């Protein structure tokens, strides 16, 4: 049996090739000798491209169930006082005050964030027309798939509301 040389690079290439085969992403057969001689940077680049492909391939809009699970992870809990019968209200109380988030039950194109936070307001999905109320937001312009992801990003502080005059 031939002895491998190359230390970390050979281990990384071995791990990467088996990981890609396990994921089903490797469609071409690489020759072992050429694969072993490639640089560590090339292996890392290939690995990151494969992971990006895997994430993009499985990227689906967030469901309501996933949204509320992530809200609980951020410290929000279902409010005892629901603001409306046709929506769900979650609240978080800390030293800064109380923040409530209300999302209608049968559609995800709008949500309300109320409380002592710079991101408070009524947010509606931008459909290309002028709205009479609410702050229009295009989810794709902030890198999100739907308004539930925008709401989570606002609650988490990942994105901020910028007031314009």
C-alpha atoms as a PDB file:
ATOM      1  CA  UNK A   1       0.000   0.000   0.000  1.00  0.00           C
ATOM      2  CA  UNK A   2       1.400   3.385  -1.000  1.00  0.00           C
ATOM      3  CA  UNK A   3       2.156   5.852   1.761  1.00  0.00           C
ATOM      4  CA  UNK A   4       0.504   9.272   1.528  1.00  0.00           C
ATOM      5  CA  UNK A   5       2.509  12.396   2.103  1.00  0.00           C
ATOM      6  CA  UNK A   6       1.442  15.971   2.426  1.00  0.00           C
ATOM      7  CA  UNK A   7       0.115  16.252   5.972  1.00  0.00           C
ATOM      8  CA  UNK A   8      -2.820  18.598   6.442  1.00  0.00           C
ATOM      9  CA  UNK A   9      -3.356  19.240   2.734  1.00  0.00           C
ATOM     10  CA  UNK A  10      -3.770  15.562   1.924  1.00  0.00           C
ATOM     11  CA  UNK A  11      -6.094  15.023   4.887  1.00  0.00           C
ATOM     12  CA  UNK A  12      -8.176  18.030   3.880  1.00  0.00           C
ATOM     13  CA  UNK A  13      -8.404  16.872   0.267  1.00  0.00           C
ATOM     14  CA  UNK A  14      -9.384  13.371   1.391  1.00  0.00           C
ATOM     15  CA  UNK A  15     -12.040  14.769   3.735  1.00  0.00           C
ATOM     16  CA  UNK A  16     -13.328  17.178   1.081  1.00  0.00           C
ATOM     17  CA  UNK A  17     -13.640  14.523  -1.616  1.00  0.00           C
ATOM     18  CA  UNK A  18     -15.583  12.185   0.684  1.00  0.00           C
ATOM     19  CA  UNK A  19     -17.739  15.037   2.000  1.00  0.00           C
ATOM     20  CA  UNK A  20     -18.676  16.064  -1.543  1.00  0.00           C
ATOM     21  CA  UNK A  21     -19.449  12.471  -2.493  1.00  0.00           C
ATOM     22  CA  UNK A  22     -21.628  12.158   0.607  1.00  0.00           C
ATOM     23  CA  UNK A  23     -23.545  15.328  -0.345  1.00  0.00           C
ATOM     24  CA  UNK A  24     -23.898  14.176  -3.912  1.00  0.00           C
ATOM     25  CA  UNK A  25     -22.316  17.366  -5.223  1.00  0.00           C
ATOM     26  CA  UNK A  26     -19.270  15.844  -6.873  1.00  0.00           C
ATOM     27  CA  UNK A  27     -20.289  14.980 -10.402  1.00  0.00           C
ATOM     28  CA  UNK A  28     -16.878  14.550 -11.988  1.00  0.00           C
ATOM     29  CA  UNK A  29     -14.294  12.020 -10.938  1.00  0.00           C
ATOM     30  CA  UNK A  30     -11.072  13.694  -9.896  1.00  0.00           C
ATOM     31  CA  UNK A  31      -7.812  11.865 -10.350  1.00  0.00           C
ATOM     32  CA  UNK A  32      -6.278  11.238  -6.914  1.00  0.00           C
ATOM     33  CA  UNK A  33      -2.748  12.283  -7.888  1.00  0.00           C
ATOM     34  CA  UNK A  34      -3.883  15.625  -9.282  1.00  0.00           C
ATOM     35  CA  UNK A  35      -6.243  16.131  -6.381  1.00  0.00           C
ATOM     36  CA  UNK A  36      -3.466  15.510  -3.858  1.00  0.00           C
ATOM     37  CA  UNK A  37      -1.130  17.992  -5.548  1.00  0.00           C
ATOM     38  CA  UNK A  38      -3.612  20.877  -5.543  1.00  0.00           C
ATOM     39  CA  UNK A  39      -3.005  23.686  -3.088  1.00  0.00           C
ATOM     40  CA  UNK A  40      -4.842  24.078   0.190  1.00  0.00           C
ATOM     41  CA  UNK A  41      -6.380  27.360  -1.027  1.00  0.00           C
ATOM     42  CA  UNK A  42      -7.918  25.582  -4.013  1.00  0.00           C
ATOM     43  CA  UNK A  43      -9.430  22.972  -1.684  1.00  0.00           C
ATOM     44  CA  UNK A  44     -10.901  25.653   0.534  1.00  0.00           C
ATOM     45  CA  UNK A  45     -12.330  27.482  -2.475  1.00  0.00           C
ATOM     46  CA  UNK A  46     -13.913  24.274  -3.790  1.00  0.00           C
ATOM     47  CA  UNK A  47     -15.309  23.480  -0.351  1.00  0.00           C
ATOM     48  CA  UNK A  48     -16.859  26.958   0.059  1.00  0.00           C
ATOM     49  CA  UNK A  49     -18.351  26.862  -3.433  1.00  0.00           C
ATOM     50  CA  UNK A  50     -19.886  23.472  -2.666  1.00  0.00           C
ATOM     51  CA  UNK A  51     -21.361  24.698   0.618  1.00  0.00           C
ATOM     52  CA  UNK A  52     -22.744  27.839  -1.097  1.00  0.00           C
ATOM     53  CA  UNK A  53     -24.304  25.630  -3.776  1.00  0.00           C
ATOM     54  CA  UNK A  54     -25.849  23.409  -1.115  1.00  0.00           C
ATOM     55  CA  UNK A  55     -27.308  26.402   0.752  1.00  0.00           C
ATOM     56  CA  UNK A  56     -28.639  28.033  -2.422  1.00  0.00           C
ATOM     57  CA  UNK A  57     -30.087  24.750  -3.664  1.00  0.00           C
ATOM     58  CA  UNK A  58     -32.060  24.214  -0.461  1.00  0.00           C
ATOM     59  CA  UNK A  59     -33.020  27.849   0.117  1.00  0.00           C
ATOM     60  CA  UNK A  60     -36.773  28.133   0.533  1.00  0.00           C
ATOM     61  CA  UNK A  61     -38.810  30.980   1.968  1.00  0.00           C
ATOM     62  CA  UNK A  62     -39.221  30.793   5.713  1.00  0.00           C
ATOM     63  CA  UNK A  63     -42.447  29.217   6.920  1.00  0.00           C
ATOM     64  CA  UNK A  64     -44.596  30.640   9.714  1.00  0.00           C
ATOM     65  CA  UNK A  65     -43.587  27.750  11.956  1.00  0.00           C
ATOM     66  CA  UNK A  66     -39.881  28.455  11.416  1.00  0.00           C
ATOM     67  CA  UNK A  67     -40.503  32.170  11.943  1.00  0.00           C
ATOM     68  CA  UNK A  68     -42.170  31.748  15.333  1.00  0.00           C
ATOM     69  CA  UNK A  69     -39.528  29.212  16.425  1.00  0.00           C
ATOM     70  CA  UNK A  70     -36.811  31.759  15.651  1.00  0.00           C
ATOM     71  CA  UNK A  71     -38.777  34.477  17.460  1.00  0.00           C
ATOM     72  CA  UNK A  72     -38.781  32.270  20.570  1.00  0.00           C
ATOM     73  CA  UNK A  73     -35.046  31.777  20.104  1.00  0.00           C
ATOM     74  CA  UNK A  74     -34.610  35.581  20.151  1.00  0.00           C
ATOM     75  CA  UNK A  75     -36.432  35.756  23.493  1.00  0.00           C
ATOM     76  CA  UNK A  76     -39.955  36.567  22.324  1.00  0.00           C
ATOM     77  CA  UNK A  77     -42.935  34.687  23.722  1.00  0.00           C
ATOM     78  CA  UNK A  78     -46.584  34.516  22.782  1.00  0.00           C
ATOM     79  CA  UNK A  79     -48.348  37.439  24.401  1.00  0.00           C
ATOM     80  CA  UNK A  80     -51.145  36.889  26.926  1.00  0.00           C
ATOM     81  CA  UNK A  81     -52.941  39.870  25.404  1.00  0.00           C
ATOM     82  CA  UNK A  82     -53.400  39.235  21.692  1.00  0.00           C
ATOM     83  CA  UNK A  83     -53.778  42.502  19.756  1.00  0.00           C
ATOM     84  CA  UNK A  84     -56.247  41.008  17.276  1.00  0.00           C
ATOM     85  CA  UNK A  85     -58.158  37.800  16.597  1.00  0.00           C
ATOM     86  CA  UNK A  86     -56.738  37.560  13.079  1.00  0.00           C
ATOM     87  CA  UNK A  87     -53.068  37.782  14.043  1.00  0.00           C
ATOM     88  CA  UNK A  88     -50.502  36.420  16.457  1.00  0.00           C
ATOM     89  CA  UNK A  89     -48.720  38.745  18.868  1.00  0.00           C
ATOM     90  CA  UNK A  90     -45.347  37.941  20.376  1.00  0.00           C
ATOM     91  CA  UNK A  91     -43.676  40.118  22.978  1.00  0.00           C
ATOM     92  CA  UNK A  92     -40.307  40.563  24.604  1.00  0.00           C
ATOM     93  CA  UNK A  93     -39.775  42.491  27.782  1.00  0.00           C
ATOM     94  CA  UNK A  94     -36.329  43.525  28.936  1.00  0.00           C
ATOM     95  CA  UNK A  95     -34.638  46.471  30.674  1.00  0.00           C
ATOM     96  CA  UNK A  96     -35.253  48.724  27.637  1.00  0.00           C
ATOM     97  CA  UNK A  97     -39.015  48.103  27.681  1.00  0.00           C
ATOM     98  CA  UNK A  98     -41.599  45.959  25.958  1.00  0.00           C
ATOM     99  CA  UNK A  99     -41.555  45.178  22.239  1.00  0.00           C
ATOM    100  CA  UNK A 100     -44.545  43.525  20.576  1.00  0.00           C
ATOM    101  CA  UNK A 101     -44.617  41.982  17.118  1.00  0.00           C
ATOM    102  CA  UNK A 102     -47.948  41.165  15.454  1.00  0.00           C
ATOM    103  CA  UNK A 103     -48.193  39.083  12.288  1.00  0.00           C
ATOM    104  CA  UNK A 104     -51.570  38.453  10.559  1.00  0.00           C
ATOM    105  CA  UNK A 105     -52.634  34.794  10.449  1.00  0.00           C
ATOM    106  CA  UNK A 106     -53.408  34.246   6.772  1.00  0.00           C
ATOM    107  CA  UNK A 107     -50.741  36.268   4.981  1.00  0.00           C
ATOM    108  CA  UNK A 108     -47.145  37.264   5.513  1.00  0.00           C
ATOM    109  CA  UNK A 109     -47.017  40.514   3.537  1.00  0.00           C
ATOM    110  CA  UNK A 110     -47.364  42.786   6.565  1.00  0.00           C
ATOM    111  CA  UNK A 111     -46.330  42.914  10.220  1.00  0.00           C
ATOM    112  CA  UNK A 112     -46.347  45.409  13.088  1.00  0.00           C
ATOM    113  CA  UNK A 113     -43.478  46.109  15.469  1.00  0.00           C
ATOM    114  CA  UNK A 114     -44.499  48.277  18.418  1.00  0.00           C
ATOM    115  CA  UNK A 115     -42.504  49.458  21.384  1.00  0.00           C
ATOM    116  CA  UNK A 116     -39.421  51.372  22.389  1.00  0.00           C
ATOM    117  CA  UNK A 117     -37.223  50.347  19.476  1.00  0.00           C
ATOM    118  CA  UNK A 118     -35.843  52.281  16.509  1.00  0.00           C
ATOM    119  CA  UNK A 119     -37.402  49.689  14.176  1.00  0.00           C
ATOM    120  CA  UNK A 120     -41.014  50.176  15.260  1.00  0.00           C
ATOM    121  CA  UNK A 121     -43.770  50.650  12.742  1.00  0.00           C
ATOM    122  CA  UNK A 122     -46.150  48.954  10.370  1.00  0.00           C
ATOM    123  CA  UNK A 123     -44.307  47.268   7.519  1.00  0.00           C
ATOM    124  CA  UNK A 124     -45.931  46.200   4.243  1.00  0.00           C
ATOM    125  CA  UNK A 125     -44.478  44.403   1.268  1.00  0.00           C
ATOM    126  CA  UNK A 126     -43.639  46.784  -1.579  1.00  0.00           C
ATOM    127  CA  UNK A 127     -45.706  45.839  -4.630  1.00  0.00           C
ATOM    128  CA  UNK A 128     -44.712  48.772  -6.811  1.00  0.00           C
ATOM    129  CA  UNK A 129     -47.660  51.016  -5.944  1.00  0.00           C
ATOM    130  CA  UNK A 130     -47.938  53.851  -3.469  1.00  0.00           C
ATOM    131  CA  UNK A 131     -49.472  52.703  -0.179  1.00  0.00           C
ATOM    132  CA  UNK A 132     -51.744  54.763   2.060  1.00  0.00           C
ATOM    133  CA  UNK A 133     -50.233  53.402   5.252  1.00  0.00           C
ATOM    134  CA  UNK A 134     -47.228  51.472   6.415  1.00  0.00           C
ATOM    135  CA  UNK A 135     -43.591  51.436   5.440  1.00  0.00           C
ATOM    136  CA  UNK A 136     -43.128  49.652   2.094  1.00  0.00           C
ATOM    137  CA  UNK A 137     -40.260  47.152   2.081  1.00  0.00           C
ATOM    138  CA  UNK A 138     -38.966  45.080  -0.813  1.00  0.00           C
ATOM    139  CA  UNK A 139     -37.603  41.864   0.800  1.00  0.00           C
ATOM    140  CA  UNK A 140     -35.195  41.178  -2.070  1.00  0.00           C
ATOM    141  CA  UNK A 141     -33.611  44.632  -1.674  1.00  0.00           C
ATOM    142  CA  UNK A 142     -32.477  43.709   1.846  1.00  0.00           C
ATOM    143  CA  UNK A 143     -31.450  40.179   0.848  1.00  0.00           C
ATOM    144  CA  UNK A 144     -34.428  38.295   2.296  1.00  0.00           C
ATOM    145  CA  UNK A 145     -36.859  35.862   0.692  1.00  0.00           C
ATOM    146  CA  UNK A 146     -40.074  37.111   2.308  1.00  0.00           C
ATOM    147  CA  UNK A 147     -41.439  39.566   4.865  1.00  0.00           C
ATOM    148  CA  UNK A 148     -41.151  37.069   7.738  1.00  0.00           C
ATOM    149  CA  UNK A 149     -37.370  37.073   7.250  1.00  0.00           C
ATOM    150  CA  UNK A 150     -37.410  40.889   7.139  1.00  0.00           C
ATOM    151  CA  UNK A 151     -39.309  40.958  10.434  1.00  0.00           C
ATOM    152  CA  UNK A 152     -36.818  38.592  12.047  1.00  0.00           C
ATOM    153  CA  UNK A 153     -33.883  40.671  10.807  1.00  0.00           C
ATOM    154  CA  UNK A 154     -35.454  43.847  12.229  1.00  0.00           C
ATOM    155  CA  UNK A 155     -36.142  42.160  15.587  1.00  0.00           C
ATOM    156  CA  UNK A 156     -32.629  40.694  15.734  1.00  0.00           C
ATOM    157  CA  UNK A 157     -30.928  43.962  14.764  1.00  0.00           C
ATOM    158  CA  UNK A 158     -29.464  42.467  11.588  1.00  0.00           C
ATOM    159  CA  UNK A 159     -30.990  45.324   9.563  1.00  0.00           C
ATOM    160  CA  UNK A 160     -32.098  48.752  10.736  1.00  0.00           C
ATOM    161  CA  UNK A 161     -34.833  51.121   9.694  1.00  0.00           C
ATOM    162  CA  UNK A 162     -33.354  54.296   8.262  1.00  0.00           C
ATOM    163  CA  UNK A 163     -35.572  57.358   8.560  1.00  0.00           C
ATOM    164  CA  UNK A 164     -35.457  59.685   5.562  1.00  0.00           C
ATOM    165  CA  UNK A 165     -36.732  63.232   5.474  1.00  0.00           C
END
